[in-house]
Amino acid sequence: MNGADLTCRELVELVTDYLEGRLEAVHRESFERHLEGCRGCVAYLEQMRQLIAALGRLREEDLAPAARAELIRLFLGWRPPLGAGT
């Protein structure tokens, strides 16, 4: 990232750091500026917030081993939809 406006793909890569308050001020400003003009990324950010809230109540030992393995497989195989990251 070179300080220019963020793309959707760059925002997705930074969302965890943003939610955890770990983005440097200049990157946070670019992130928030992108959100002002991108409803898709606003929706994605809200989905991530909801996911974190839901998973915050879930303990690893609450998952059956097969469910845990499936979640890991899905996470590792995730790819953005074609056309995303504009």
PDB file of N, CA and C in Angstrom:
ATOM      1  N   MET A   1       0.851  -1.172   0.000  1.00  0.00           N
ATOM      2  CA  MET A   1       0.000   0.000   0.000  1.00  0.00           C
ATOM      3  C   MET A   1       0.891   1.227   0.000  1.00  0.00           C
ATOM      4  N   ASN A   2       0.641   2.145  -0.908  1.00  0.00           N
ATOM      5  CA  ASN A   2       1.544   3.270  -1.089  1.00  0.00           C
ATOM      6  C   ASN A   2       0.962   4.598  -0.644  1.00  0.00           C
ATOM      7  N   GLY A   3      -0.101   4.606   0.117  1.00  0.00           N
ATOM      8  CA  GLY A   3      -0.698   5.839   0.577  1.00  0.00           C
ATOM      9  C   GLY A   3      -1.816   6.327  -0.327  1.00  0.00           C
ATOM     10  N   ALA A   4      -1.952   5.727  -1.510  1.00  0.00           N
ATOM     11  CA  ALA A   4      -3.050   6.080  -2.405  1.00  0.00           C
ATOM     12  C   ALA A   4      -4.335   5.497  -1.839  1.00  0.00           C
ATOM     13  N   ASP A   5      -5.442   5.811  -2.489  1.00  0.00           N
ATOM     14  CA  ASP A   5      -6.709   5.256  -2.041  1.00  0.00           C
ATOM     15  C   ASP A   5      -6.665   3.737  -2.075  1.00  0.00           C
ATOM     16  N   LEU A   6      -7.292   3.131  -1.095  1.00  0.00           N
ATOM     17  CA  LEU A   6      -7.332   1.673  -1.002  1.00  0.00           C
ATOM     18  C   LEU A   6      -8.291   1.083  -2.020  1.00  0.00           C
ATOM     19  N   THR A   7      -7.963  -0.101  -2.494  1.00  0.00           N
ATOM     20  CA  THR A   7      -8.906  -0.893  -3.269  1.00  0.00           C
ATOM     21  C   THR A   7      -9.703  -1.746  -2.293  1.00  0.00           C
ATOM     22  N   CYS A   8     -10.764  -2.346  -2.773  1.00  0.00           N
ATOM     23  CA  CYS A   8     -11.549  -3.252  -1.934  1.00  0.00           C
ATOM     24  C   CYS A   8     -10.686  -4.412  -1.435  1.00  0.00           C
ATOM     25  N   ARG A   9      -9.866  -4.942  -2.300  1.00  0.00           N
ATOM     26  CA  ARG A   9      -9.004  -6.068  -1.920  1.00  0.00           C
ATOM     27  C   ARG A   9      -8.046  -5.665  -0.797  1.00  0.00           C
ATOM     28  N   GLU A  10      -7.470  -4.484  -0.889  1.00  0.00           N
ATOM     29  CA  GLU A  10      -6.564  -4.014   0.165  1.00  0.00           C
ATOM     30  C   GLU A  10      -7.321  -3.828   1.476  1.00  0.00           C
ATOM     31  N   LEU A  11      -8.542  -3.309   1.406  1.00  0.00           N
ATOM     32  CA  LEU A  11      -9.337  -3.137   2.612  1.00  0.00           C
ATOM     33  C   LEU A  11      -9.584  -4.481   3.284  1.00  0.00           C
ATOM     34  N   VAL A  12      -9.942  -5.484   2.496  1.00  0.00           N
ATOM     35  CA  VAL A  12     -10.193  -6.821   3.049  1.00  0.00           C
ATOM     36  C   VAL A  12      -8.952  -7.340   3.770  1.00  0.00           C
ATOM     37  N   GLU A  13      -7.783  -7.089   3.208  1.00  0.00           N
ATOM     38  CA  GLU A  13      -6.539  -7.550   3.826  1.00  0.00           C
ATOM     39  C   GLU A  13      -6.245  -6.824   5.137  1.00  0.00           C
ATOM     40  N   LEU A  14      -6.791  -5.623   5.315  1.00  0.00           N
ATOM     41  CA  LEU A  14      -6.509  -4.816   6.506  1.00  0.00           C
ATOM     42  C   LEU A  14      -7.620  -4.856   7.544  1.00  0.00           C
ATOM     43  N   VAL A  15      -8.728  -5.502   7.251  1.00  0.00           N
ATOM     44  CA  VAL A  15      -9.897  -5.399   8.118  1.00  0.00           C
ATOM     45  C   VAL A  15      -9.618  -5.901   9.536  1.00  0.00           C
ATOM     46  N   THR A  16      -8.868  -6.957   9.700  1.00  0.00           N
ATOM     47  CA  THR A  16      -8.590  -7.470  11.043  1.00  0.00           C
ATOM     48  C   THR A  16      -7.774  -6.461  11.844  1.00  0.00           C
ATOM     49  N   ASP A  17      -6.729  -5.914  11.233  1.00  0.00           N
ATOM     50  CA  ASP A  17      -5.934  -4.906  11.929  1.00  0.00           C
ATOM     51  C   ASP A  17      -6.783  -3.686  12.277  1.00  0.00           C
ATOM     52  N   TYR A  18      -7.687  -3.299  11.381  1.00  0.00           N
ATOM     53  CA  TYR A  18      -8.568  -2.158  11.645  1.00  0.00           C
ATOM     54  C   TYR A  18      -9.450  -2.439  12.857  1.00  0.00           C
ATOM     55  N   LEU A  19     -10.082  -3.589  12.866  1.00  0.00           N
ATOM     56  CA  LEU A  19     -10.985  -3.924  13.962  1.00  0.00           C
ATOM     57  C   LEU A  19     -10.259  -4.083  15.291  1.00  0.00           C
ATOM     58  N   GLU A  20      -8.992  -4.457  15.235  1.00  0.00           N
ATOM     59  CA  GLU A  20      -8.209  -4.624  16.458  1.00  0.00           C
ATOM     60  C   GLU A  20      -7.455  -3.360  16.845  1.00  0.00           C
ATOM     61  N   GLY A  21      -7.660  -2.267  16.078  1.00  0.00           N
ATOM     62  CA  GLY A  21      -7.024  -0.998  16.402  1.00  0.00           C
ATOM     63  C   GLY A  21      -5.525  -0.971  16.171  1.00  0.00           C
ATOM     64  N   ARG A  22      -5.051  -1.792  15.232  1.00  0.00           N
ATOM     65  CA  ARG A  22      -3.607  -1.889  14.985  1.00  0.00           C
ATOM     66  C   ARG A  22      -3.144  -1.164  13.724  1.00  0.00           C
ATOM     67  N   LEU A  23      -4.036  -0.476  13.027  1.00  0.00           N
ATOM     68  CA  LEU A  23      -3.619   0.238  11.816  1.00  0.00           C
ATOM     69  C   LEU A  23      -2.973   1.568  12.186  1.00  0.00           C
ATOM     70  N   GLU A  24      -1.898   1.892  11.495  1.00  0.00           N
ATOM     71  CA  GLU A  24      -1.296   3.210  11.669  1.00  0.00           C
ATOM     72  C   GLU A  24      -2.304   4.250  11.217  1.00  0.00           C
ATOM     73  N   ALA A  25      -2.189   5.462  11.739  1.00  0.00           N
ATOM     74  CA  ALA A  25      -3.173   6.519  11.470  1.00  0.00           C
ATOM     75  C   ALA A  25      -3.382   6.740   9.973  1.00  0.00           C
ATOM     76  N   VAL A  26      -2.314   6.796   9.191  1.00  0.00           N
ATOM     77  CA  VAL A  26      -2.450   7.068   7.758  1.00  0.00           C
ATOM     78  C   VAL A  26      -3.228   5.958   7.056  1.00  0.00           C
ATOM     79  N   HIS A  27      -3.007   4.715   7.459  1.00  0.00           N
ATOM     80  CA  HIS A  27      -3.722   3.594   6.859  1.00  0.00           C
ATOM     81  C   HIS A  27      -5.179   3.571   7.330  1.00  0.00           C
ATOM     82  N   ARG A  28      -5.399   3.904   8.597  1.00  0.00           N
ATOM     83  CA  ARG A  28      -6.764   3.958   9.122  1.00  0.00           C
ATOM     84  C   ARG A  28      -7.569   5.028   8.380  1.00  0.00           C
ATOM     85  N   GLU A  29      -6.942   6.170   8.117  1.00  0.00           N
ATOM     86  CA  GLU A  29      -7.624   7.235   7.386  1.00  0.00           C
ATOM     87  C   GLU A  29      -7.987   6.786   5.969  1.00  0.00           C
ATOM     88  N   SER A  30      -7.074   6.098   5.282  1.00  0.00           N
ATOM     89  CA  SER A  30      -7.363   5.574   3.941  1.00  0.00           C
ATOM     90  C   SER A  30      -8.484   4.544   4.001  1.00  0.00           C
ATOM     91  N   PHE A  31      -8.448   3.698   5.009  1.00  0.00           N
ATOM     92  CA  PHE A  31      -9.463   2.665   5.213  1.00  0.00           C
ATOM     93  C   PHE A  31     -10.837   3.316   5.368  1.00  0.00           C
ATOM     94  N   GLU A  32     -10.917   4.290   6.258  1.00  0.00           N
ATOM     95  CA  GLU A  32     -12.194   4.948   6.533  1.00  0.00           C
ATOM     96  C   GLU A  32     -12.656   5.794   5.351  1.00  0.00           C
ATOM     97  N   ARG A  33     -11.750   6.385   4.618  1.00  0.00           N
ATOM     98  CA  ARG A  33     -12.107   7.144   3.417  1.00  0.00           C
ATOM     99  C   ARG A  33     -12.717   6.203   2.368  1.00  0.00           C
ATOM    100  N   HIS A  34     -12.138   5.017   2.234  1.00  0.00           N
ATOM    101  CA  HIS A  34     -12.690   4.027   1.300  1.00  0.00           C
ATOM    102  C   HIS A  34     -14.120   3.655   1.706  1.00  0.00           C
ATOM    103  N   LEU A  35     -14.338   3.464   3.003  1.00  0.00           N
ATOM    104  CA  LEU A  35     -15.668   3.085   3.485  1.00  0.00           C
ATOM    105  C   LEU A  35     -16.718   4.146   3.153  1.00  0.00           C
ATOM    106  N   GLU A  36     -16.306   5.401   3.115  1.00  0.00           N
ATOM    107  CA  GLU A  36     -17.254   6.483   2.826  1.00  0.00           C
ATOM    108  C   GLU A  36     -17.887   6.337   1.443  1.00  0.00           C
ATOM    109  N   GLY A  37     -17.176   5.691   0.521  1.00  0.00           N
ATOM    110  CA  GLY A  37     -17.691   5.581  -0.837  1.00  0.00           C
ATOM    111  C   GLY A  37     -17.954   4.173  -1.322  1.00  0.00           C
ATOM    112  N   CYS A  38     -17.917   3.191  -0.424  1.00  0.00           N
ATOM    113  CA  CYS A  38     -18.061   1.802  -0.875  1.00  0.00           C
ATOM    114  C   CYS A  38     -19.019   1.045   0.045  1.00  0.00           C
ATOM    115  N   ARG A  39     -20.257   0.950  -0.384  1.00  0.00           N
ATOM    116  CA  ARG A  39     -21.262   0.252   0.436  1.00  0.00           C
ATOM    117  C   ARG A  39     -20.928  -1.224   0.602  1.00  0.00           C
ATOM    118  N   GLY A  40     -20.308  -1.828  -0.411  1.00  0.00           N
ATOM    119  CA  GLY A  40     -19.942  -3.237  -0.307  1.00  0.00           C
ATOM    120  C   GLY A  40     -18.957  -3.487   0.818  1.00  0.00           C
ATOM    121  N   CYS A  41     -17.977  -2.621   0.948  1.00  0.00           N
ATOM    122  CA  CYS A  41     -16.988  -2.785   2.017  1.00  0.00           C
ATOM    123  C   CYS A  41     -17.574  -2.443   3.382  1.00  0.00           C
ATOM    124  N   VAL A  42     -18.507  -1.500   3.417  1.00  0.00           N
ATOM    125  CA  VAL A  42     -19.206  -1.216   4.675  1.00  0.00           C
ATOM    126  C   VAL A  42     -19.955  -2.466   5.124  1.00  0.00           C
ATOM    127  N   ALA A  43     -20.632  -3.123   4.199  1.00  0.00           N
ATOM    128  CA  ALA A  43     -21.366  -4.353   4.521  1.00  0.00           C
ATOM    129  C   ALA A  43     -20.400  -5.450   4.969  1.00  0.00           C
ATOM    130  N   TYR A  44     -19.261  -5.565   4.284  1.00  0.00           N
ATOM    131  CA  TYR A  44     -18.260  -6.574   4.657  1.00  0.00           C
ATOM    132  C   TYR A  44     -17.749  -6.318   6.069  1.00  0.00           C
ATOM    133  N   LEU A  45     -17.446  -5.065   6.387  1.00  0.00           N
ATOM    134  CA  LEU A  45     -16.961  -4.716   7.718  1.00  0.00           C
ATOM    135  C   LEU A  45     -17.999  -5.077   8.775  1.00  0.00           C
ATOM    136  N   GLU A  46     -19.256  -4.789   8.500  1.00  0.00           N
ATOM    137  CA  GLU A  46     -20.320  -5.123   9.455  1.00  0.00           C
ATOM    138  C   GLU A  46     -20.443  -6.637   9.620  1.00  0.00           C
ATOM    139  N   GLN A  47     -20.317  -7.383   8.534  1.00  0.00           N
ATOM    140  CA  GLN A  47     -20.355  -8.849   8.631  1.00  0.00           C
ATOM    141  C   GLN A  47     -19.204  -9.364   9.488  1.00  0.00           C
ATOM    142  N   MET A  48     -18.039  -8.771   9.329  1.00  0.00           N
ATOM    143  CA  MET A  48     -16.889  -9.191  10.135  1.00  0.00           C
ATOM    144  C   MET A  48     -17.124  -8.876  11.612  1.00  0.00           C
ATOM    145  N   ARG A  49     -17.699  -7.724  11.893  1.00  0.00           N
ATOM    146  CA  ARG A  49     -18.015  -7.375  13.291  1.00  0.00           C
ATOM    147  C   ARG A  49     -18.991  -8.378  13.887  1.00  0.00           C
ATOM    148  N   GLN A  50     -20.017  -8.746  13.120  1.00  0.00           N
ATOM    149  CA  GLN A  50     -21.001  -9.719  13.599  1.00  0.00           C
ATOM    150  C   GLN A  50     -20.372 -11.092  13.792  1.00  0.00           C
ATOM    151  N   LEU A  51     -19.493 -11.476  12.878  1.00  0.00           N
ATOM    152  CA  LEU A  51     -18.807 -12.762  12.988  1.00  0.00           C
ATOM    153  C   LEU A  51     -17.942 -12.810  14.246  1.00  0.00           C
ATOM    154  N   ILE A  52     -17.201 -11.744  14.487  1.00  0.00           N
ATOM    155  CA  ILE A  52     -16.349 -11.683  15.675  1.00  0.00           C
ATOM    156  C   ILE A  52     -17.194 -11.758  16.942  1.00  0.00           C
ATOM    157  N   ALA A  53     -18.316 -11.047  16.956  1.00  0.00           N
ATOM    158  CA  ALA A  53     -19.198 -11.086  18.125  1.00  0.00           C
ATOM    159  C   ALA A  53     -19.729 -12.493  18.356  1.00  0.00           C
ATOM    160  N   ALA A  54     -20.121 -13.169  17.277  1.00  0.00           N
ATOM    161  CA  ALA A  54     -20.656 -14.529  17.409  1.00  0.00           C
ATOM    162  C   ALA A  54     -19.573 -15.503  17.841  1.00  0.00           C
ATOM    163  N   LEU A  55     -18.408 -15.408  17.222  1.00  0.00           N
ATOM    164  CA  LEU A  55     -17.331 -16.338  17.550  1.00  0.00           C
ATOM    165  C   LEU A  55     -16.737 -16.061  18.916  1.00  0.00           C
ATOM    166  N   GLY A  56     -16.900 -14.855  19.394  1.00  0.00           N
ATOM    167  CA  GLY A  56     -16.402 -14.526  20.725  1.00  0.00           C
ATOM    168  C   GLY A  56     -17.084 -15.338  21.809  1.00  0.00           C
ATOM    169  N   ARG A  57     -18.237 -15.850  21.494  1.00  0.00           N
ATOM    170  CA  ARG A  57     -18.976 -16.686  22.449  1.00  0.00           C
ATOM    171  C   ARG A  57     -18.700 -18.172  22.248  1.00  0.00           C
ATOM    172  N   LEU A  58     -17.951 -18.506  21.228  1.00  0.00           N
ATOM    173  CA  LEU A  58     -17.688 -19.896  20.877  1.00  0.00           C
ATOM    174  C   LEU A  58     -16.280 -20.280  21.322  1.00  0.00           C
ATOM    175  N   ARG A  59     -16.204 -21.355  22.058  1.00  0.00           N
ATOM    176  CA  ARG A  59     -14.894 -21.848  22.487  1.00  0.00           C
ATOM    177  C   ARG A  59     -14.473 -23.002  21.581  1.00  0.00           C
ATOM    178  N   GLU A  60     -13.187 -23.170  21.400  1.00  0.00           N
ATOM    179  CA  GLU A  60     -12.696 -24.234  20.525  1.00  0.00           C
ATOM    180  C   GLU A  60     -13.223 -25.589  20.957  1.00  0.00           C
ATOM    181  N   GLU A  61     -13.289 -25.812  22.240  1.00  0.00           N
ATOM    182  CA  GLU A  61     -13.750 -27.113  22.716  1.00  0.00           C
ATOM    183  C   GLU A  61     -15.247 -27.330  22.477  1.00  0.00           C
ATOM    184  N   ASP A  62     -15.977 -26.274  22.103  1.00  0.00           N
ATOM    185  CA  ASP A  62     -17.388 -26.415  21.757  1.00  0.00           C
ATOM    186  C   ASP A  62     -17.585 -27.038  20.376  1.00  0.00           C
ATOM    187  N   LEU A  63     -16.550 -27.032  19.558  1.00  0.00           N
ATOM    188  CA  LEU A  63     -16.641 -27.563  18.199  1.00  0.00           C
ATOM    189  C   LEU A  63     -16.277 -29.043  18.167  1.00  0.00           C
ATOM    190  N   ALA A  64     -17.035 -29.795  17.421  1.00  0.00           N
ATOM    191  CA  ALA A  64     -16.659 -31.185  17.167  1.00  0.00           C
ATOM    192  C   ALA A  64     -15.411 -31.170  16.285  1.00  0.00           C
ATOM    193  N   PRO A  65     -14.534 -32.137  16.421  1.00  0.00           N
ATOM    194  CA  PRO A  65     -13.312 -32.150  15.611  1.00  0.00           C
ATOM    195  C   PRO A  65     -13.581 -32.051  14.111  1.00  0.00           C
ATOM    196  N   ALA A  66     -14.624 -32.712  13.628  1.00  0.00           N
ATOM    197  CA  ALA A  66     -14.933 -32.653  12.199  1.00  0.00           C
ATOM    198  C   ALA A  66     -15.368 -31.245  11.787  1.00  0.00           C
ATOM    199  N   ALA A  67     -16.128 -30.568  12.637  1.00  0.00           N
ATOM    200  CA  ALA A  67     -16.567 -29.200  12.334  1.00  0.00           C
ATOM    201  C   ALA A  67     -15.371 -28.252  12.333  1.00  0.00           C
ATOM    202  N   ARG A  68     -14.478 -28.434  13.274  1.00  0.00           N
ATOM    203  CA  ARG A  68     -13.268 -27.600  13.328  1.00  0.00           C
ATOM    204  C   ARG A  68     -12.435 -27.793  12.061  1.00  0.00           C
ATOM    205  N   ALA A  69     -12.244 -29.037  11.670  1.00  0.00           N
ATOM    206  CA  ALA A  69     -11.461 -29.330  10.465  1.00  0.00           C
ATOM    207  C   ALA A  69     -12.116 -28.730   9.222  1.00  0.00           C
ATOM    208  N   GLU A  70     -13.435 -28.783   9.142  1.00  0.00           N
ATOM    209  CA  GLU A  70     -14.153 -28.216   8.003  1.00  0.00           C
ATOM    210  C   GLU A  70     -14.018 -26.698   7.966  1.00  0.00           C
ATOM    211  N   LEU A  71     -14.115 -26.055   9.111  1.00  0.00           N
ATOM    212  CA  LEU A  71     -13.937 -24.599   9.160  1.00  0.00           C
ATOM    213  C   LEU A  71     -12.533 -24.197   8.704  1.00  0.00           C
ATOM    214  N   ILE A  72     -11.549 -24.929   9.148  1.00  0.00           N
ATOM    215  CA  ILE A  72     -10.170 -24.637   8.737  1.00  0.00           C
ATOM    216  C   ILE A  72     -10.017 -24.856   7.236  1.00  0.00           C
ATOM    217  N   ARG A  73     -10.581 -25.934   6.715  1.00  0.00           N
ATOM    218  CA  ARG A  73     -10.502 -26.200   5.279  1.00  0.00           C
ATOM    219  C   ARG A  73     -11.153 -25.075   4.482  1.00  0.00           C
ATOM    220  N   LEU A  74     -12.313 -24.633   4.905  1.00  0.00           N
ATOM    221  CA  LEU A  74     -13.013 -23.554   4.215  1.00  0.00           C
ATOM    222  C   LEU A  74     -12.232 -22.247   4.291  1.00  0.00           C
ATOM    223  N   PHE A  75     -11.682 -21.953   5.443  1.00  0.00           N
ATOM    224  CA  PHE A  75     -10.914 -20.721   5.611  1.00  0.00           C
ATOM    225  C   PHE A  75      -9.688 -20.726   4.707  1.00  0.00           C
ATOM    226  N   LEU A  76      -8.973 -21.834   4.692  1.00  0.00           N
ATOM    227  CA  LEU A  76      -7.750 -21.910   3.887  1.00  0.00           C
ATOM    228  C   LEU A  76      -8.042 -21.900   2.390  1.00  0.00           C
ATOM    229  N   GLY A  77      -9.227 -22.351   2.002  1.00  0.00           N
ATOM    230  CA  GLY A  77      -9.559 -22.404   0.587  1.00  0.00           C
ATOM    231  C   GLY A  77     -10.340 -21.198   0.094  1.00  0.00           C
ATOM    232  N   TRP A  78     -10.618 -20.227   0.967  1.00  0.00           N
ATOM    233  CA  TRP A  78     -11.440 -19.088   0.589  1.00  0.00           C
ATOM    234  C   TRP A  78     -10.732 -18.231  -0.438  1.00  0.00           C
ATOM    235  N   ARG A  79     -11.457 -17.811  -1.451  1.00  0.00           N
ATOM    236  CA  ARG A  79     -10.964 -16.876  -2.476  1.00  0.00           C
ATOM    237  C   ARG A  79     -12.048 -15.846  -2.694  1.00  0.00           C
ATOM    238  N   PRO A  80     -11.679 -14.588  -2.922  1.00  0.00           N
ATOM    239  CA  PRO A  80     -12.701 -13.583  -3.187  1.00  0.00           C
ATOM    240  C   PRO A  80     -13.428 -13.892  -4.481  1.00  0.00           C
ATOM    241  N   PRO A  81     -14.694 -13.495  -4.592  1.00  0.00           N
ATOM    242  CA  PRO A  81     -15.435 -13.738  -5.831  1.00  0.00           C
ATOM    243  C   PRO A  81     -14.801 -12.996  -6.995  1.00  0.00           C
ATOM    244  N   LEU A  82     -14.983 -13.535  -8.195  1.00  0.00           N
ATOM    245  CA  LEU A  82     -14.475 -12.852  -9.387  1.00  0.00           C
ATOM    246  C   LEU A  82     -15.050 -11.451  -9.449  1.00  0.00           C
ATOM    247  N   GLY A  83     -14.196 -10.503  -9.792  1.00  0.00           N
ATOM    248  CA  GLY A  83     -14.630  -9.116  -9.889  1.00  0.00           C
ATOM    249  C   GLY A  83     -14.497  -8.350  -8.592  1.00  0.00           C
ATOM    250  N   ALA A  84     -14.216  -9.045  -7.482  1.00  0.00           N
ATOM    251  CA  ALA A  84     -14.020  -8.347  -6.215  1.00  0.00           C
ATOM    252  C   ALA A  84     -12.640  -7.731  -6.205  1.00  0.00           C
ATOM    253  N   GLY A  85     -12.449  -6.792  -5.341  1.00  0.00           N
ATOM    254  CA  GLY A  85     -11.132  -6.176  -5.193  1.00  0.00           C
ATOM    255  C   GLY A  85     -10.873  -5.065  -6.162  1.00  0.00           C
ATOM    256  N   THR A  86     -11.926  -4.439  -6.592  1.00  0.00           N
ATOM    257  CA  THR A  86     -11.765  -3.322  -7.529  1.00  0.00           C
ATOM    258  C   THR A  86     -11.316  -2.081  -6.817  1.00  0.00           C
TER     259      THR A  86
END
